[in-house]
Amino acid sequence: MELSERHRIYWNRNRGLTIALLLTWFGVTFSVPFFARSVTFTVLGWPFSFYMAAQGCLVIYLLLIYLYANRLRKLDREYGVDEAEDE
């Protein structure tokens, strides 16, 4: 089955978005905890690096999901492949 040029562009943009967000995810997952080790002060009796790794990463993950959903919705509408709402 041959895809049209419009579909190829759509999938290339979708793939680019996915790769960019996965690279961001990878960077956050491995760089924030790595660099947080050098932070030595405490917050409420816990090391600040704990908060950066445990809470900060979760907030960024939620932001990545939100960005992906919104951007893909716009991309779907732009290329006419969005799901029709039930009437």
N, C-alpha and C. Protein backbone atom coordinates (compact mmCIF):
# COMPACT_ATOMS: atom_id res chain seq x y z
N MET A 1 0.84 -1.18 0.00
CA MET A 1 0.00 0.00 0.00
C MET A 1 0.89 1.24 0.00
N GLU A 2 0.73 2.04 -0.98
CA GLU A 2 1.55 3.25 -1.15
C GLU A 2 0.90 4.43 -0.41
N LEU A 3 1.71 5.12 0.38
CA LEU A 3 1.22 6.31 1.07
C LEU A 3 1.39 7.53 0.19
N SER A 4 0.47 8.45 0.33
CA SER A 4 0.60 9.69 -0.43
C SER A 4 1.69 10.56 0.20
N GLU A 5 2.08 11.57 -0.52
CA GLU A 5 3.12 12.49 -0.02
C GLU A 5 2.66 13.18 1.26
N ARG A 6 1.39 13.50 1.33
CA ARG A 6 0.83 14.16 2.52
C ARG A 6 0.94 13.24 3.74
N HIS A 7 0.68 11.96 3.55
CA HIS A 7 0.81 11.00 4.66
C HIS A 7 2.27 10.84 5.08
N ARG A 8 3.17 10.84 4.13
CA ARG A 8 4.60 10.74 4.46
C ARG A 8 5.06 11.93 5.30
N ILE A 9 4.61 13.11 4.91
CA ILE A 9 4.97 14.31 5.67
C ILE A 9 4.41 14.22 7.09
N TYR A 10 3.16 13.78 7.20
CA TYR A 10 2.52 13.62 8.51
C TYR A 10 3.32 12.66 9.39
N TRP A 11 3.66 11.49 8.86
CA TRP A 11 4.38 10.51 9.66
C TRP A 11 5.80 10.97 9.97
N ASN A 12 6.43 11.70 9.08
CA ASN A 12 7.77 12.23 9.37
C ASN A 12 7.71 13.25 10.51
N ARG A 13 6.70 14.11 10.48
CA ARG A 13 6.55 15.09 11.56
C ARG A 13 6.20 14.41 12.87
N ASN A 14 5.34 13.39 12.80
CA ASN A 14 4.98 12.62 13.99
C ASN A 14 6.21 11.93 14.56
N ARG A 15 7.00 11.30 13.71
CA ARG A 15 8.22 10.63 14.13
C ARG A 15 9.22 11.62 14.73
N GLY A 16 9.36 12.79 14.12
CA GLY A 16 10.26 13.81 14.65
C GLY A 16 9.85 14.28 16.04
N LEU A 17 8.55 14.47 16.22
CA LEU A 17 8.04 14.86 17.53
C LEU A 17 8.32 13.77 18.56
N THR A 18 8.06 12.53 18.20
CA THR A 18 8.29 11.42 19.11
C THR A 18 9.77 11.30 19.48
N ILE A 19 10.65 11.43 18.51
CA ILE A 19 12.08 11.33 18.78
C ILE A 19 12.54 12.47 19.68
N ALA A 20 12.07 13.69 19.42
CA ALA A 20 12.47 14.83 20.24
C ALA A 20 12.02 14.64 21.69
N LEU A 21 10.80 14.17 21.88
CA LEU A 21 10.31 13.98 23.24
C LEU A 21 10.99 12.80 23.93
N LEU A 22 11.32 11.75 23.18
CA LEU A 22 12.05 10.64 23.78
C LEU A 22 13.47 11.04 24.19
N LEU A 23 14.10 11.87 23.38
CA LEU A 23 15.43 12.36 23.75
C LEU A 23 15.36 13.25 24.99
N THR A 24 14.31 14.06 25.08
CA THR A 24 14.10 14.88 26.27
C THR A 24 13.89 13.99 27.49
N TRP A 25 13.05 12.96 27.32
CA TRP A 25 12.80 12.02 28.41
C TRP A 25 14.11 11.36 28.86
N PHE A 26 14.90 10.90 27.90
CA PHE A 26 16.16 10.26 28.22
C PHE A 26 17.08 11.22 28.97
N GLY A 27 17.18 12.43 28.49
CA GLY A 27 18.04 13.42 29.14
C GLY A 27 17.60 13.72 30.56
N VAL A 28 16.30 13.87 30.77
CA VAL A 28 15.79 14.15 32.11
C VAL A 28 16.02 12.96 33.03
N THR A 29 15.74 11.77 32.52
CA THR A 29 15.85 10.58 33.35
C THR A 29 17.27 10.35 33.85
N PHE A 30 18.25 10.63 33.02
CA PHE A 30 19.62 10.32 33.41
C PHE A 30 20.44 11.53 33.85
N SER A 31 20.11 12.71 33.39
CA SER A 31 20.95 13.86 33.76
C SER A 31 20.51 14.51 35.06
N VAL A 32 19.22 14.64 35.30
CA VAL A 32 18.78 15.30 36.54
C VAL A 32 19.28 14.54 37.77
N PRO A 33 19.06 13.23 37.89
CA PRO A 33 19.59 12.54 39.08
C PRO A 33 21.12 12.56 39.16
N PHE A 34 21.78 12.52 38.00
CA PHE A 34 23.25 12.55 38.01
C PHE A 34 23.78 13.85 38.57
N PHE A 35 23.23 14.98 38.10
CA PHE A 35 23.72 16.28 38.56
C PHE A 35 23.14 16.66 39.91
N ALA A 36 22.03 16.03 40.30
CA ALA A 36 21.44 16.34 41.60
C ALA A 36 22.31 15.84 42.75
N ARG A 37 23.16 14.87 42.50
CA ARG A 37 24.02 14.34 43.56
C ARG A 37 24.93 15.40 44.14
N SER A 38 25.27 16.39 43.35
CA SER A 38 26.20 17.41 43.84
C SER A 38 25.51 18.46 44.70
N VAL A 39 24.19 18.47 44.74
CA VAL A 39 23.46 19.41 45.58
C VAL A 39 23.44 18.85 47.00
N THR A 40 23.89 19.66 47.96
CA THR A 40 24.10 19.12 49.30
C THR A 40 23.17 19.68 50.37
N PHE A 41 22.30 20.62 50.07
CA PHE A 41 21.44 21.15 51.13
C PHE A 41 20.16 20.32 51.27
N THR A 42 19.46 20.50 52.41
CA THR A 42 18.27 19.71 52.69
C THR A 42 17.03 20.57 52.69
N VAL A 43 15.88 19.94 52.42
CA VAL A 43 14.58 20.58 52.48
C VAL A 43 13.69 19.68 53.33
N LEU A 44 13.18 20.21 54.43
CA LEU A 44 12.33 19.44 55.34
C LEU A 44 13.00 18.13 55.79
N GLY A 45 14.30 18.18 55.98
CA GLY A 45 15.03 17.02 56.47
C GLY A 45 15.47 16.03 55.41
N TRP A 46 15.10 16.25 54.18
CA TRP A 46 15.47 15.35 53.09
C TRP A 46 16.45 16.06 52.17
N PRO A 47 17.36 15.34 51.57
CA PRO A 47 18.29 15.97 50.62
C PRO A 47 17.53 16.56 49.42
N PHE A 48 17.93 17.73 48.98
CA PHE A 48 17.25 18.37 47.85
C PHE A 48 17.36 17.53 46.59
N SER A 49 18.43 16.78 46.46
CA SER A 49 18.59 15.92 45.29
C SER A 49 17.47 14.87 45.23
N PHE A 50 16.99 14.43 46.39
CA PHE A 50 15.86 13.50 46.41
C PHE A 50 14.64 14.13 45.76
N TYR A 51 14.34 15.38 46.12
CA TYR A 51 13.19 16.06 45.55
C TYR A 51 13.35 16.29 44.05
N MET A 52 14.55 16.66 43.65
CA MET A 52 14.78 16.88 42.21
C MET A 52 14.57 15.61 41.42
N ALA A 53 15.08 14.49 41.92
CA ALA A 53 14.98 13.23 41.19
C ALA A 53 13.58 12.64 41.28
N ALA A 54 12.98 12.68 42.46
CA ALA A 54 11.70 12.01 42.66
C ALA A 54 10.52 12.84 42.18
N GLN A 55 10.53 14.12 42.44
CA GLN A 55 9.37 14.95 42.11
C GLN A 55 9.56 15.75 40.82
N GLY A 56 10.73 16.29 40.64
CA GLY A 56 10.98 17.11 39.45
C GLY A 56 10.86 16.33 38.16
N CYS A 57 11.37 15.11 38.15
CA CYS A 57 11.27 14.28 36.95
C CYS A 57 9.82 13.95 36.64
N LEU A 58 9.02 13.66 37.66
CA LEU A 58 7.61 13.34 37.43
C LEU A 58 6.87 14.51 36.80
N VAL A 59 7.16 15.70 37.25
CA VAL A 59 6.52 16.88 36.68
C VAL A 59 6.91 17.03 35.20
N ILE A 60 8.16 16.81 34.90
CA ILE A 60 8.62 16.91 33.51
C ILE A 60 7.99 15.82 32.66
N TYR A 61 7.83 14.60 33.20
CA TYR A 61 7.19 13.52 32.44
C TYR A 61 5.75 13.88 32.11
N LEU A 62 5.04 14.43 33.07
CA LEU A 62 3.65 14.86 32.82
C LEU A 62 3.60 15.96 31.77
N LEU A 63 4.55 16.87 31.82
CA LEU A 63 4.63 17.93 30.81
C LEU A 63 4.89 17.35 29.43
N LEU A 64 5.75 16.35 29.33
CA LEU A 64 6.02 15.71 28.04
C LEU A 64 4.77 15.05 27.48
N ILE A 65 4.00 14.38 28.33
CA ILE A 65 2.76 13.75 27.88
C ILE A 65 1.77 14.80 27.39
N TYR A 66 1.65 15.88 28.13
CA TYR A 66 0.75 16.97 27.75
C TYR A 66 1.17 17.58 26.41
N LEU A 67 2.46 17.84 26.25
CA LEU A 67 2.95 18.41 25.00
C LEU A 67 2.72 17.47 23.81
N TYR A 68 2.96 16.18 24.01
CA TYR A 68 2.75 15.22 22.93
C TYR A 68 1.28 15.16 22.53
N ALA A 69 0.39 15.09 23.50
CA ALA A 69 -1.04 15.00 23.20
C ALA A 69 -1.53 16.24 22.47
N ASN A 70 -1.14 17.41 22.94
CA ASN A 70 -1.59 18.65 22.29
C ASN A 70 -1.00 18.81 20.90
N ARG A 71 0.27 18.57 20.77
CA ARG A 71 0.92 18.75 19.46
C ARG A 71 0.41 17.74 18.44
N LEU A 72 0.19 16.50 18.89
CA LEU A 72 -0.32 15.50 17.96
C LEU A 72 -1.76 15.80 17.56
N ARG A 73 -2.56 16.33 18.49
CA ARG A 73 -3.93 16.72 18.15
C ARG A 73 -3.93 17.80 17.06
N LYS A 74 -3.04 18.78 17.20
CA LYS A 74 -2.93 19.84 16.19
C LYS A 74 -2.45 19.27 14.86
N LEU A 75 -1.49 18.37 14.92
CA LEU A 75 -0.97 17.74 13.71
C LEU A 75 -2.05 16.90 13.02
N ASP A 76 -2.84 16.17 13.79
CA ASP A 76 -3.94 15.38 13.23
C ASP A 76 -4.95 16.27 12.53
N ARG A 77 -5.30 17.36 13.16
CA ARG A 77 -6.26 18.29 12.54
C ARG A 77 -5.70 18.91 11.27
N GLU A 78 -4.42 19.26 11.32
CA GLU A 78 -3.77 19.89 10.16
C GLU A 78 -3.78 18.97 8.95
N TYR A 79 -3.59 17.68 9.18
CA TYR A 79 -3.52 16.72 8.08
C TYR A 79 -4.82 15.94 7.86
N GLY A 80 -5.86 16.29 8.61
CA GLY A 80 -7.17 15.70 8.39
C GLY A 80 -7.29 14.24 8.82
N VAL A 81 -6.54 13.83 9.80
CA VAL A 81 -6.62 12.45 10.28
C VAL A 81 -7.13 12.36 11.72
N ASP A 82 -7.72 13.45 12.21
CA ASP A 82 -8.24 13.42 13.57
C ASP A 82 -9.51 12.58 13.64
N GLU A 83 -9.78 12.09 14.84
CA GLU A 83 -10.97 11.28 15.04
C GLU A 83 -12.18 12.20 15.12
N ALA A 84 -13.22 11.82 14.43
CA ALA A 84 -14.46 12.61 14.46
C ALA A 84 -15.15 12.39 15.79
N GLU A 85 -15.67 13.49 16.35
CA GLU A 85 -16.39 13.37 17.61
C GLU A 85 -17.75 12.73 17.37
N ASP A 86 -18.21 11.98 18.37
CA ASP A 86 -19.52 11.34 18.25
C ASP A 86 -20.61 12.40 18.23
N GLU A 87 -21.57 12.19 17.39
CA GLU A 87 -22.66 13.19 17.28
C GLU A 87 -23.92 12.69 17.91
